[in-house]
Amino acid sequence: MYKNKRSGERERDVIAIGMEEFVKTLYAFLYGPDDVFGGTGHVFDATKGGGYAKLFGDGGEILPTVANSRFQLYAGIWFACDTAKQIWRMRAREGKEPGIERRWMFYFALGESIRLSHSEQSVDPESSLRLLSNPAWLKDEDGPVRKVIARHCKVAFRALISSYREASKDPDFAHRNWFRSQATLASIREQLKADWSLLAEHGEEYLIPKPK
């Protein structure tokens, strides 16, 4: 269930999700932080080429309803990111690595890690993410799905840290701009590819298992 910012309603056995948080999370995971594309306005732009149309449209036209397969994908992404957020918060609190301080860039790196590890093993990442659309697996605090997500979080952290350190060597480097550049997205992808060459031997440990 989506909740309006001003809504105070609560229902038993219902997970209330703020629309802005939901859309920004999906976009960051799939394409990159909204700041890279001009800000929150982009992800809620329903015109052709806008972020909202990209998430909920077909050829630039907003669909009246979301197909079940797409809903399951988006629900799976949301629950994966919500789980990873707790790991990110603990890591970011240390304050030692500026490259991991922003959650939206972390979500992008997490998404890229999952997509890369699955694609490299000829497994469809979207099908795997759809497996997470039923939140029942969240009840298992030490379950196999959480362990896989935790592994991807570590890979995402490494890629973010390496990318940031490399970029910071440039004399014209600006911390704030690093989080707003599409070049940063490309750099993170390259870091992940380099890491995967070392992780491939244990690749099955990074595949999302079917929740029990």
N, C-alpha and C. Protein backbone atom coordinates (compact mmCIF):
# COMPACT_ATOMS: atom_id res chain seq x y z
N MET A 1 0.83 -1.18 0.00
CA MET A 1 0.00 0.00 0.00
C MET A 1 0.87 1.24 0.00
N TYR A 2 0.59 2.21 -0.85
CA TYR A 2 1.28 3.48 -0.84
C TYR A 2 0.60 4.38 0.17
N LYS A 3 1.36 5.22 0.85
CA LYS A 3 0.76 6.16 1.78
C LYS A 3 1.12 7.57 1.38
N ASN A 4 0.16 8.44 1.52
CA ASN A 4 0.39 9.86 1.28
C ASN A 4 1.24 10.42 2.41
N LYS A 5 2.05 11.43 2.10
CA LYS A 5 2.90 12.03 3.13
C LYS A 5 2.09 12.47 4.35
N ARG A 6 0.86 12.96 4.10
CA ARG A 6 0.05 13.51 5.18
C ARG A 6 -0.85 12.46 5.85
N SER A 7 -0.82 11.28 5.32
CA SER A 7 -1.73 10.25 5.82
C SER A 7 -1.20 9.65 7.11
N GLY A 8 -2.08 9.52 8.08
CA GLY A 8 -1.68 8.91 9.33
C GLY A 8 -2.31 7.56 9.52
N GLU A 9 -3.01 7.07 8.51
CA GLU A 9 -3.74 5.81 8.65
C GLU A 9 -2.80 4.62 8.73
N ARG A 10 -3.18 3.64 9.50
CA ARG A 10 -2.42 2.41 9.65
C ARG A 10 -3.38 1.24 9.58
N GLU A 11 -3.01 0.18 8.92
CA GLU A 11 -3.84 -1.00 8.85
C GLU A 11 -3.01 -2.21 9.25
N ARG A 12 -3.66 -3.12 9.93
CA ARG A 12 -2.98 -4.33 10.36
C ARG A 12 -2.57 -5.17 9.14
N ASP A 13 -1.37 -5.74 9.20
CA ASP A 13 -0.85 -6.60 8.13
C ASP A 13 -0.68 -5.86 6.81
N VAL A 14 -0.49 -4.54 6.85
CA VAL A 14 -0.26 -3.75 5.65
C VAL A 14 1.07 -3.02 5.80
N ILE A 15 1.89 -3.08 4.76
CA ILE A 15 3.16 -2.36 4.77
C ILE A 15 2.94 -1.04 4.05
N ALA A 16 2.99 0.05 4.78
CA ALA A 16 2.76 1.37 4.19
C ALA A 16 4.08 1.92 3.64
N ILE A 17 4.07 2.35 2.40
CA ILE A 17 5.28 2.84 1.74
C ILE A 17 5.02 4.23 1.19
N GLY A 18 5.88 5.18 1.55
CA GLY A 18 5.77 6.53 1.01
C GLY A 18 6.08 6.52 -0.48
N MET A 19 5.26 7.19 -1.27
CA MET A 19 5.41 7.17 -2.72
C MET A 19 6.76 7.73 -3.16
N GLU A 20 7.17 8.86 -2.58
CA GLU A 20 8.44 9.45 -2.99
C GLU A 20 9.61 8.52 -2.68
N GLU A 21 9.59 7.94 -1.48
CA GLU A 21 10.65 7.01 -1.10
C GLU A 21 10.67 5.80 -2.04
N PHE A 22 9.50 5.31 -2.36
CA PHE A 22 9.38 4.14 -3.23
C PHE A 22 9.95 4.42 -4.61
N VAL A 23 9.54 5.52 -5.22
CA VAL A 23 9.96 5.85 -6.58
C VAL A 23 11.47 6.14 -6.63
N LYS A 24 11.96 6.89 -5.65
CA LYS A 24 13.39 7.23 -5.64
C LYS A 24 14.24 5.98 -5.41
N THR A 25 13.74 5.06 -4.61
CA THR A 25 14.47 3.81 -4.37
C THR A 25 14.54 2.98 -5.64
N LEU A 26 13.42 2.81 -6.31
CA LEU A 26 13.40 2.05 -7.56
C LEU A 26 14.34 2.66 -8.59
N TYR A 27 14.26 3.97 -8.74
CA TYR A 27 15.06 4.63 -9.78
C TYR A 27 16.55 4.52 -9.47
N ALA A 28 16.91 4.71 -8.22
CA ALA A 28 18.32 4.61 -7.83
C ALA A 28 18.85 3.20 -8.10
N PHE A 29 18.09 2.20 -7.71
CA PHE A 29 18.50 0.81 -7.88
C PHE A 29 18.65 0.44 -9.35
N LEU A 30 17.72 0.90 -10.17
CA LEU A 30 17.70 0.51 -11.58
C LEU A 30 18.58 1.38 -12.48
N TYR A 31 18.62 2.69 -12.18
CA TYR A 31 19.29 3.61 -13.11
C TYR A 31 20.34 4.51 -12.47
N GLY A 32 20.19 4.82 -11.20
CA GLY A 32 21.11 5.72 -10.53
C GLY A 32 20.35 6.75 -9.70
N PRO A 33 21.03 7.43 -8.78
CA PRO A 33 20.37 8.42 -7.92
C PRO A 33 19.73 9.54 -8.72
N ASP A 34 18.62 10.07 -8.20
CA ASP A 34 17.93 11.14 -8.92
C ASP A 34 18.81 12.36 -9.13
N ASP A 35 19.76 12.61 -8.20
CA ASP A 35 20.65 13.76 -8.34
C ASP A 35 21.48 13.71 -9.63
N VAL A 36 21.76 12.50 -10.09
CA VAL A 36 22.55 12.34 -11.31
C VAL A 36 21.76 12.82 -12.53
N PHE A 37 20.44 12.78 -12.41
CA PHE A 37 19.59 13.13 -13.54
C PHE A 37 18.82 14.44 -13.35
N GLY A 38 19.25 15.21 -12.36
CA GLY A 38 18.64 16.52 -12.18
C GLY A 38 17.80 16.69 -10.94
N GLY A 39 17.63 15.65 -10.14
CA GLY A 39 16.90 15.78 -8.90
C GLY A 39 15.56 15.05 -8.88
N THR A 40 14.84 15.24 -7.78
CA THR A 40 13.57 14.55 -7.57
C THR A 40 12.56 14.83 -8.68
N GLY A 41 12.61 16.03 -9.24
CA GLY A 41 11.68 16.38 -10.31
C GLY A 41 11.76 15.41 -11.47
N HIS A 42 12.96 14.89 -11.74
CA HIS A 42 13.12 13.97 -12.88
C HIS A 42 12.38 12.67 -12.64
N VAL A 43 12.49 12.12 -11.44
CA VAL A 43 11.89 10.81 -11.20
C VAL A 43 10.37 10.89 -11.15
N PHE A 44 9.82 12.08 -11.01
CA PHE A 44 8.36 12.23 -11.03
C PHE A 44 7.88 12.90 -12.32
N ASP A 45 8.77 12.98 -13.29
CA ASP A 45 8.41 13.54 -14.59
C ASP A 45 7.71 12.46 -15.42
N ALA A 46 6.42 12.68 -15.67
CA ALA A 46 5.62 11.69 -16.38
C ALA A 46 5.66 11.86 -17.89
N THR A 47 6.40 12.87 -18.38
CA THR A 47 6.49 13.06 -19.83
C THR A 47 7.52 12.09 -20.41
N LYS A 48 7.48 11.94 -21.73
CA LYS A 48 8.41 11.04 -22.39
C LYS A 48 9.85 11.43 -22.06
N GLY A 49 10.63 10.49 -21.61
CA GLY A 49 12.01 10.76 -21.21
C GLY A 49 12.15 11.03 -19.74
N GLY A 50 11.03 11.23 -19.04
CA GLY A 50 11.06 11.46 -17.60
C GLY A 50 11.21 10.16 -16.84
N GLY A 51 11.66 10.28 -15.60
CA GLY A 51 11.89 9.09 -14.79
C GLY A 51 10.64 8.31 -14.47
N TYR A 52 9.55 9.00 -14.19
CA TYR A 52 8.31 8.33 -13.83
C TYR A 52 7.78 7.52 -15.01
N ALA A 53 7.89 8.13 -16.19
CA ALA A 53 7.46 7.42 -17.40
C ALA A 53 8.34 6.20 -17.66
N LYS A 54 9.59 6.30 -17.27
CA LYS A 54 10.52 5.19 -17.46
C LYS A 54 10.15 4.02 -16.55
N LEU A 55 9.72 4.36 -15.33
CA LEU A 55 9.36 3.32 -14.37
C LEU A 55 7.98 2.74 -14.60
N PHE A 56 7.03 3.60 -14.93
CA PHE A 56 5.63 3.18 -14.98
C PHE A 56 4.97 3.38 -16.34
N GLY A 57 5.78 3.54 -17.36
CA GLY A 57 5.21 3.77 -18.68
C GLY A 57 5.62 2.72 -19.68
N ASP A 58 5.15 2.94 -20.89
CA ASP A 58 5.48 2.07 -22.02
C ASP A 58 5.66 2.97 -23.23
N GLY A 59 6.89 3.12 -23.66
CA GLY A 59 7.16 4.02 -24.78
C GLY A 59 6.91 5.48 -24.43
N GLY A 60 7.02 5.80 -23.13
CA GLY A 60 6.85 7.17 -22.71
C GLY A 60 5.45 7.51 -22.25
N GLU A 61 4.50 6.58 -22.43
CA GLU A 61 3.12 6.83 -22.02
C GLU A 61 2.83 6.06 -20.74
N ILE A 62 2.33 6.78 -19.72
CA ILE A 62 2.04 6.16 -18.44
C ILE A 62 0.93 5.13 -18.59
N LEU A 63 1.17 3.93 -18.07
CA LEU A 63 0.18 2.86 -18.15
C LEU A 63 -0.87 3.04 -17.06
N PRO A 64 -2.13 2.71 -17.35
CA PRO A 64 -3.19 2.86 -16.35
C PRO A 64 -3.01 1.92 -15.16
N THR A 65 -2.43 0.77 -15.41
CA THR A 65 -2.15 -0.19 -14.35
C THR A 65 -0.77 -0.80 -14.58
N VAL A 66 -0.19 -1.29 -13.53
CA VAL A 66 1.13 -1.94 -13.61
C VAL A 66 0.93 -3.44 -13.73
N ALA A 67 1.55 -4.04 -14.72
CA ALA A 67 1.45 -5.49 -14.92
C ALA A 67 1.97 -6.21 -13.67
N ASN A 68 1.41 -7.37 -13.40
CA ASN A 68 1.78 -8.10 -12.20
C ASN A 68 3.28 -8.41 -12.14
N SER A 69 3.87 -8.74 -13.29
CA SER A 69 5.30 -9.05 -13.32
C SER A 69 6.14 -7.85 -12.93
N ARG A 70 5.71 -6.66 -13.39
CA ARG A 70 6.46 -5.46 -13.04
C ARG A 70 6.25 -5.11 -11.56
N PHE A 71 5.03 -5.28 -11.08
CA PHE A 71 4.76 -5.03 -9.67
C PHE A 71 5.62 -5.93 -8.79
N GLN A 72 5.72 -7.22 -9.15
CA GLN A 72 6.52 -8.14 -8.36
C GLN A 72 7.99 -7.74 -8.38
N LEU A 73 8.47 -7.29 -9.54
CA LEU A 73 9.86 -6.85 -9.63
C LEU A 73 10.10 -5.66 -8.71
N TYR A 74 9.21 -4.67 -8.78
CA TYR A 74 9.39 -3.46 -7.98
C TYR A 74 9.24 -3.75 -6.48
N ALA A 75 8.33 -4.65 -6.14
CA ALA A 75 8.18 -5.03 -4.73
C ALA A 75 9.44 -5.74 -4.24
N GLY A 76 9.99 -6.62 -5.08
CA GLY A 76 11.21 -7.32 -4.71
C GLY A 76 12.37 -6.37 -4.51
N ILE A 77 12.49 -5.39 -5.40
CA ILE A 77 13.55 -4.39 -5.28
C ILE A 77 13.38 -3.60 -3.99
N TRP A 78 12.14 -3.20 -3.70
CA TRP A 78 11.89 -2.42 -2.49
C TRP A 78 12.31 -3.19 -1.24
N PHE A 79 11.90 -4.45 -1.13
CA PHE A 79 12.22 -5.23 0.06
C PHE A 79 13.72 -5.51 0.15
N ALA A 80 14.37 -5.72 -0.99
CA ALA A 80 15.82 -5.94 -0.99
C ALA A 80 16.54 -4.68 -0.50
N CYS A 81 16.13 -3.53 -0.99
CA CYS A 81 16.76 -2.26 -0.60
C CYS A 81 16.47 -1.92 0.85
N ASP A 82 15.24 -2.19 1.29
CA ASP A 82 14.88 -1.90 2.67
C ASP A 82 15.71 -2.74 3.63
N THR A 83 15.99 -3.97 3.23
CA THR A 83 16.84 -4.84 4.04
C THR A 83 18.28 -4.34 4.03
N ALA A 84 18.77 -3.98 2.85
CA ALA A 84 20.15 -3.50 2.71
C ALA A 84 20.35 -2.16 3.42
N LYS A 85 19.29 -1.39 3.55
CA LYS A 85 19.39 -0.07 4.19
C LYS A 85 19.92 -0.18 5.62
N GLN A 86 19.51 -1.22 6.32
CA GLN A 86 19.98 -1.40 7.69
C GLN A 86 21.48 -1.65 7.73
N ILE A 87 21.97 -2.42 6.77
CA ILE A 87 23.41 -2.68 6.68
C ILE A 87 24.15 -1.41 6.31
N TRP A 88 23.59 -0.66 5.37
CA TRP A 88 24.21 0.61 4.95
C TRP A 88 24.29 1.59 6.11
N ARG A 89 23.23 1.70 6.89
CA ARG A 89 23.22 2.64 8.01
C ARG A 89 24.34 2.36 9.00
N MET A 90 24.52 1.09 9.32
CA MET A 90 25.57 0.72 10.26
C MET A 90 26.95 1.05 9.70
N ARG A 91 27.14 0.78 8.42
CA ARG A 91 28.44 1.05 7.78
C ARG A 91 28.68 2.54 7.64
N ALA A 92 27.64 3.30 7.26
CA ALA A 92 27.79 4.73 7.04
C ALA A 92 28.03 5.49 8.34
N ARG A 93 27.52 4.96 9.45
CA ARG A 93 27.69 5.62 10.75
C ARG A 93 29.16 5.72 11.14
N GLU A 94 29.97 4.83 10.63
CA GLU A 94 31.39 4.87 10.95
C GLU A 94 32.04 6.16 10.44
N GLY A 95 31.48 6.69 9.35
CA GLY A 95 31.93 7.98 8.84
C GLY A 95 33.34 8.01 8.29
N LYS A 96 33.91 6.86 7.99
CA LYS A 96 35.31 6.82 7.54
C LYS A 96 35.45 6.89 6.02
N GLU A 97 34.40 6.54 5.31
CA GLU A 97 34.47 6.48 3.85
C GLU A 97 33.41 7.38 3.23
N PRO A 98 33.78 8.55 2.73
CA PRO A 98 32.80 9.48 2.15
C PRO A 98 32.07 8.93 0.93
N GLY A 99 32.65 7.95 0.26
CA GLY A 99 32.02 7.41 -0.93
C GLY A 99 30.74 6.63 -0.67
N ILE A 100 30.49 6.25 0.59
CA ILE A 100 29.31 5.46 0.88
C ILE A 100 28.29 6.25 1.71
N GLU A 101 28.47 7.55 1.81
CA GLU A 101 27.62 8.33 2.70
C GLU A 101 26.19 8.55 2.19
N ARG A 102 25.96 8.37 0.89
CA ARG A 102 24.62 8.63 0.36
C ARG A 102 23.94 7.34 -0.07
N ARG A 103 22.78 7.13 0.51
CA ARG A 103 22.03 5.89 0.34
C ARG A 103 21.67 5.60 -1.10
N TRP A 104 21.30 6.64 -1.86
CA TRP A 104 20.83 6.41 -3.23
C TRP A 104 21.94 5.86 -4.13
N MET A 105 23.16 6.36 -3.93
CA MET A 105 24.28 5.82 -4.72
C MET A 105 24.57 4.38 -4.29
N PHE A 106 24.40 4.11 -3.02
CA PHE A 106 24.57 2.74 -2.52
C PHE A 106 23.55 1.81 -3.17
N TYR A 107 22.30 2.24 -3.27
CA TYR A 107 21.28 1.42 -3.91
C TYR A 107 21.66 1.10 -5.35
N PHE A 108 22.23 2.08 -6.05
CA PHE A 108 22.64 1.84 -7.43
C PHE A 108 23.72 0.76 -7.48
N ALA A 109 24.73 0.90 -6.63
CA ALA A 109 25.82 -0.09 -6.61
C ALA A 109 25.30 -1.47 -6.23
N LEU A 110 24.36 -1.52 -5.31
CA LEU A 110 23.74 -2.79 -4.93
C LEU A 110 23.02 -3.42 -6.12
N GLY A 111 22.26 -2.61 -6.82
CA GLY A 111 21.53 -3.11 -7.99
C GLY A 111 22.47 -3.61 -9.06
N GLU A 112 23.53 -2.87 -9.31
CA GLU A 112 24.50 -3.29 -10.33
C GLU A 112 25.20 -4.58 -9.93
N SER A 113 25.49 -4.74 -8.65
CA SER A 113 26.14 -5.97 -8.18
C SER A 113 25.23 -7.17 -8.40
N ILE A 114 23.95 -7.02 -8.08
CA ILE A 114 23.00 -8.12 -8.27
C ILE A 114 22.82 -8.43 -9.75
N ARG A 115 22.67 -7.38 -10.56
CA ARG A 115 22.48 -7.61 -12.00
C ARG A 115 23.70 -8.28 -12.62
N LEU A 116 24.89 -7.82 -12.26
CA LEU A 116 26.11 -8.38 -12.84
C LEU A 116 26.31 -9.83 -12.44
N SER A 117 26.19 -10.12 -11.15
CA SER A 117 26.44 -11.48 -10.67
C SER A 117 25.47 -12.49 -11.28
N HIS A 118 24.22 -12.08 -11.45
CA HIS A 118 23.25 -12.98 -12.04
C HIS A 118 23.45 -13.14 -13.54
N SER A 119 23.64 -12.04 -14.23
CA SER A 119 23.81 -12.08 -15.69
C SER A 119 25.05 -12.89 -16.07
N GLU A 120 26.12 -12.75 -15.29
CA GLU A 120 27.36 -13.47 -15.60
C GLU A 120 27.19 -14.99 -15.42
N GLN A 121 26.16 -15.39 -14.70
CA GLN A 121 25.91 -16.82 -14.49
C GLN A 121 24.65 -17.27 -15.25
N SER A 122 24.27 -16.44 -16.23
CA SER A 122 23.12 -16.74 -17.10
C SER A 122 21.83 -16.94 -16.31
N VAL A 123 21.68 -16.14 -15.27
CA VAL A 123 20.46 -16.14 -14.47
C VAL A 123 19.81 -14.76 -14.61
N ASP A 124 18.53 -14.75 -14.90
CA ASP A 124 17.83 -13.48 -15.08
C ASP A 124 17.68 -12.77 -13.74
N PRO A 125 18.32 -11.62 -13.54
CA PRO A 125 18.23 -10.93 -12.25
C PRO A 125 16.82 -10.48 -11.91
N GLU A 126 16.05 -10.11 -12.91
CA GLU A 126 14.68 -9.65 -12.63
C GLU A 126 13.81 -10.79 -12.10
N SER A 127 13.98 -11.97 -12.67
CA SER A 127 13.22 -13.13 -12.18
C SER A 127 13.59 -13.43 -10.73
N SER A 128 14.86 -13.29 -10.41
CA SER A 128 15.32 -13.54 -9.05
C SER A 128 14.78 -12.50 -8.08
N LEU A 129 14.76 -11.25 -8.51
CA LEU A 129 14.24 -10.19 -7.65
C LEU A 129 12.73 -10.34 -7.42
N ARG A 130 12.03 -10.86 -8.40
CA ARG A 130 10.59 -11.09 -8.23
C ARG A 130 10.32 -12.11 -7.13
N LEU A 131 11.27 -12.99 -6.88
CA LEU A 131 11.10 -13.98 -5.82
C LEU A 131 10.96 -13.32 -4.45
N LEU A 132 11.43 -12.07 -4.35
CA LEU A 132 11.44 -11.37 -3.06
C LEU A 132 10.19 -10.53 -2.85
N SER A 133 9.25 -10.59 -3.80
CA SER A 133 8.08 -9.72 -3.71
C SER A 133 7.15 -10.08 -2.55
N ASN A 134 7.18 -11.32 -2.11
CA ASN A 134 6.42 -11.72 -0.92
C ASN A 134 7.32 -11.49 0.29
N PRO A 135 6.94 -10.56 1.17
CA PRO A 135 7.82 -10.19 2.28
C PRO A 135 7.95 -11.22 3.39
N ALA A 136 7.38 -12.39 3.22
CA ALA A 136 7.45 -13.42 4.27
C ALA A 136 8.90 -13.76 4.62
N TRP A 137 9.80 -13.68 3.64
CA TRP A 137 11.21 -14.04 3.87
C TRP A 137 11.89 -13.09 4.86
N LEU A 138 11.32 -11.91 5.03
CA LEU A 138 11.92 -10.93 5.94
C LEU A 138 11.89 -11.39 7.39
N LYS A 139 10.99 -12.32 7.70
CA LYS A 139 10.86 -12.79 9.08
C LYS A 139 12.06 -13.63 9.51
N ASP A 140 12.78 -14.18 8.54
CA ASP A 140 13.94 -15.02 8.85
C ASP A 140 15.16 -14.13 8.96
N GLU A 141 15.49 -13.72 10.19
CA GLU A 141 16.57 -12.75 10.41
C GLU A 141 17.94 -13.26 9.97
N ASP A 142 18.11 -14.57 9.93
CA ASP A 142 19.40 -15.13 9.55
C ASP A 142 19.25 -16.06 8.36
N GLY A 143 18.27 -15.76 7.50
CA GLY A 143 17.97 -16.63 6.37
C GLY A 143 18.91 -16.45 5.20
N PRO A 144 18.84 -17.36 4.24
CA PRO A 144 19.74 -17.34 3.08
C PRO A 144 19.58 -16.10 2.20
N VAL A 145 18.37 -15.55 2.08
CA VAL A 145 18.19 -14.36 1.26
C VAL A 145 18.92 -13.18 1.88
N ARG A 146 18.77 -13.00 3.17
CA ARG A 146 19.46 -11.90 3.85
C ARG A 146 20.98 -12.02 3.73
N LYS A 147 21.47 -13.25 3.77
CA LYS A 147 22.91 -13.46 3.65
C LYS A 147 23.41 -13.06 2.27
N VAL A 148 22.64 -13.39 1.23
CA VAL A 148 23.03 -13.00 -0.12
C VAL A 148 23.01 -11.48 -0.28
N ILE A 149 21.98 -10.85 0.25
CA ILE A 149 21.91 -9.39 0.18
C ILE A 149 23.09 -8.76 0.91
N ALA A 150 23.45 -9.33 2.05
CA ALA A 150 24.59 -8.82 2.82
C ALA A 150 25.89 -8.93 2.01
N ARG A 151 26.04 -10.03 1.28
CA ARG A 151 27.24 -10.19 0.44
C ARG A 151 27.28 -9.11 -0.63
N HIS A 152 26.13 -8.83 -1.24
CA HIS A 152 26.09 -7.80 -2.27
C HIS A 152 26.35 -6.41 -1.68
N CYS A 153 25.94 -6.21 -0.46
CA CYS A 153 26.22 -4.93 0.20
C CYS A 153 27.74 -4.72 0.32
N LYS A 154 28.45 -5.78 0.71
CA LYS A 154 29.90 -5.67 0.84
C LYS A 154 30.56 -5.36 -0.50
N VAL A 155 30.06 -6.00 -1.56
CA VAL A 155 30.59 -5.74 -2.89
C VAL A 155 30.30 -4.29 -3.29
N ALA A 156 29.10 -3.82 -3.00
CA ALA A 156 28.71 -2.44 -3.32
C ALA A 156 29.59 -1.45 -2.57
N PHE A 157 29.85 -1.71 -1.30
CA PHE A 157 30.71 -0.82 -0.52
C PHE A 157 32.11 -0.72 -1.13
N ARG A 158 32.65 -1.87 -1.50
CA ARG A 158 34.00 -1.87 -2.08
C ARG A 158 34.05 -1.06 -3.36
N ALA A 159 33.05 -1.25 -4.20
CA ALA A 159 33.02 -0.53 -5.48
C ALA A 159 32.89 0.98 -5.26
N LEU A 160 32.04 1.38 -4.33
CA LEU A 160 31.86 2.80 -4.04
C LEU A 160 33.14 3.42 -3.49
N ILE A 161 33.76 2.73 -2.57
CA ILE A 161 34.99 3.25 -1.96
C ILE A 161 36.10 3.35 -2.99
N SER A 162 36.27 2.31 -3.80
CA SER A 162 37.33 2.33 -4.81
C SER A 162 37.10 3.42 -5.84
N SER A 163 35.85 3.54 -6.28
CA SER A 163 35.52 4.57 -7.28
C SER A 163 35.77 5.96 -6.73
N TYR A 164 35.35 6.19 -5.50
CA TYR A 164 35.52 7.51 -4.89
C TYR A 164 37.01 7.85 -4.73
N ARG A 165 37.78 6.91 -4.23
CA ARG A 165 39.21 7.16 -4.01
C ARG A 165 39.93 7.45 -5.32
N GLU A 166 39.55 6.73 -6.36
CA GLU A 166 40.17 6.96 -7.66
C GLU A 166 39.81 8.34 -8.18
N ALA A 167 38.55 8.72 -8.07
CA ALA A 167 38.10 10.03 -8.57
C ALA A 167 38.73 11.16 -7.78
N SER A 168 38.94 10.95 -6.47
CA SER A 168 39.45 12.02 -5.61
C SER A 168 40.90 12.38 -5.91
N LYS A 169 41.57 11.59 -6.73
CA LYS A 169 42.95 11.89 -7.11
C LYS A 169 43.03 13.06 -8.09
N ASP A 170 41.92 13.33 -8.76
CA ASP A 170 41.86 14.45 -9.71
C ASP A 170 41.94 15.77 -8.95
N PRO A 171 42.82 16.68 -9.32
CA PRO A 171 42.95 17.97 -8.62
C PRO A 171 41.67 18.80 -8.64
N ASP A 172 40.81 18.56 -9.62
CA ASP A 172 39.55 19.31 -9.71
C ASP A 172 38.38 18.57 -9.06
N PHE A 173 38.69 17.52 -8.33
CA PHE A 173 37.63 16.70 -7.73
C PHE A 173 36.82 17.51 -6.72
N ALA A 174 35.50 17.32 -6.76
CA ALA A 174 34.59 17.94 -5.79
C ALA A 174 33.68 16.86 -5.22
N HIS A 175 33.72 16.70 -3.92
CA HIS A 175 32.94 15.65 -3.25
C HIS A 175 31.48 15.69 -3.66
N ARG A 176 30.88 16.84 -3.61
CA ARG A 176 29.45 16.98 -3.91
C ARG A 176 29.13 16.55 -5.34
N ASN A 177 30.00 16.92 -6.26
CA ASN A 177 29.75 16.60 -7.68
C ASN A 177 29.88 15.12 -7.98
N TRP A 178 30.66 14.43 -7.18
CA TRP A 178 30.85 13.00 -7.42
C TRP A 178 29.52 12.26 -7.36
N PHE A 179 28.62 12.70 -6.51
CA PHE A 179 27.33 12.06 -6.35
C PHE A 179 26.32 12.52 -7.41
N ARG A 180 26.73 13.42 -8.29
CA ARG A 180 25.82 13.96 -9.30
C ARG A 180 26.28 13.67 -10.72
N SER A 181 27.31 12.87 -10.86
CA SER A 181 27.90 12.66 -12.17
C SER A 181 27.60 11.29 -12.74
N GLN A 182 27.23 11.26 -14.02
CA GLN A 182 27.02 9.98 -14.68
C GLN A 182 28.34 9.23 -14.85
N ALA A 183 29.44 9.98 -14.84
CA ALA A 183 30.76 9.33 -14.91
C ALA A 183 30.97 8.45 -13.68
N THR A 184 30.38 8.85 -12.56
CA THR A 184 30.48 8.06 -11.34
C THR A 184 29.78 6.71 -11.52
N LEU A 185 28.64 6.72 -12.17
CA LEU A 185 27.92 5.47 -12.41
C LEU A 185 28.76 4.52 -13.26
N ALA A 186 29.40 5.07 -14.28
CA ALA A 186 30.25 4.25 -15.16
C ALA A 186 31.44 3.70 -14.38
N SER A 187 32.00 4.52 -13.51
CA SER A 187 33.14 4.09 -12.71
C SER A 187 32.76 2.95 -11.77
N ILE A 188 31.61 3.07 -11.14
CA ILE A 188 31.14 2.02 -10.23
C ILE A 188 30.93 0.72 -10.98
N ARG A 189 30.37 0.80 -12.17
CA ARG A 189 30.18 -0.40 -12.99
C ARG A 189 31.52 -1.07 -13.28
N GLU A 190 32.53 -0.27 -13.61
CA GLU A 190 33.85 -0.82 -13.92
C GLU A 190 34.48 -1.47 -12.69
N GLN A 191 34.30 -0.84 -11.55
CA GLN A 191 34.83 -1.41 -10.30
C GLN A 191 34.17 -2.75 -10.01
N LEU A 192 32.89 -2.83 -10.23
CA LEU A 192 32.17 -4.07 -9.98
C LEU A 192 32.61 -5.19 -10.92
N LYS A 193 32.84 -4.84 -12.17
CA LYS A 193 33.32 -5.83 -13.13
C LYS A 193 34.68 -6.37 -12.71
N ALA A 194 35.53 -5.48 -12.23
CA ALA A 194 36.85 -5.90 -11.77
C ALA A 194 36.73 -6.82 -10.55
N ASP A 195 35.84 -6.49 -9.64
CA ASP A 195 35.63 -7.32 -8.45
C ASP A 195 35.05 -8.68 -8.82
N TRP A 196 34.16 -8.69 -9.81
CA TRP A 196 33.52 -9.94 -10.17
C TRP A 196 34.53 -10.95 -10.67
N SER A 197 35.58 -10.51 -11.31
CA SER A 197 36.60 -11.44 -11.80
C SER A 197 37.23 -12.22 -10.64
N LEU A 198 37.18 -11.63 -9.44
CA LEU A 198 37.73 -12.30 -8.26
C LEU A 198 36.67 -13.13 -7.53
N LEU A 199 35.41 -12.75 -7.70
CA LEU A 199 34.33 -13.41 -6.99
C LEU A 199 33.68 -14.55 -7.78
N ALA A 200 33.95 -14.60 -9.07
CA ALA A 200 33.26 -15.55 -9.96
C ALA A 200 33.37 -17.00 -9.50
N GLU A 201 34.50 -17.34 -8.89
CA GLU A 201 34.70 -18.71 -8.44
C GLU A 201 33.64 -19.12 -7.40
N HIS A 202 33.13 -18.14 -6.68
CA HIS A 202 32.11 -18.40 -5.67
C HIS A 202 30.79 -17.75 -6.07
N GLY A 203 30.57 -17.67 -7.36
CA GLY A 203 29.43 -16.94 -7.89
C GLY A 203 28.07 -17.38 -7.36
N GLU A 204 27.90 -18.69 -7.12
CA GLU A 204 26.60 -19.18 -6.67
C GLU A 204 26.19 -18.57 -5.33
N GLU A 205 27.17 -18.13 -4.56
CA GLU A 205 26.87 -17.52 -3.26
C GLU A 205 26.23 -16.15 -3.39
N TYR A 206 26.22 -15.61 -4.62
CA TYR A 206 25.67 -14.28 -4.86
C TYR A 206 24.35 -14.32 -5.62
N LEU A 207 23.84 -15.53 -5.85
CA LEU A 207 22.55 -15.67 -6.51
C LEU A 207 21.44 -15.64 -5.46
N ILE A 208 20.37 -14.91 -5.74
CA ILE A 208 19.26 -14.82 -4.82
C ILE A 208 18.53 -16.16 -4.79
N PRO A 209 18.44 -16.79 -3.64
CA PRO A 209 17.76 -18.09 -3.56
C PRO A 209 16.24 -17.91 -3.48
N LYS A 210 15.52 -18.92 -3.83
CA LYS A 210 14.06 -18.87 -3.71
C LYS A 210 13.69 -18.95 -2.23
N PRO A 211 12.99 -17.94 -1.72
CA PRO A 211 12.61 -17.96 -0.31
C PRO A 211 11.76 -19.19 0.02
N LYS A 212 11.93 -19.70 1.21
CA LYS A 212 11.16 -20.89 1.65
C LYS A 212 9.80 -20.44 2.19
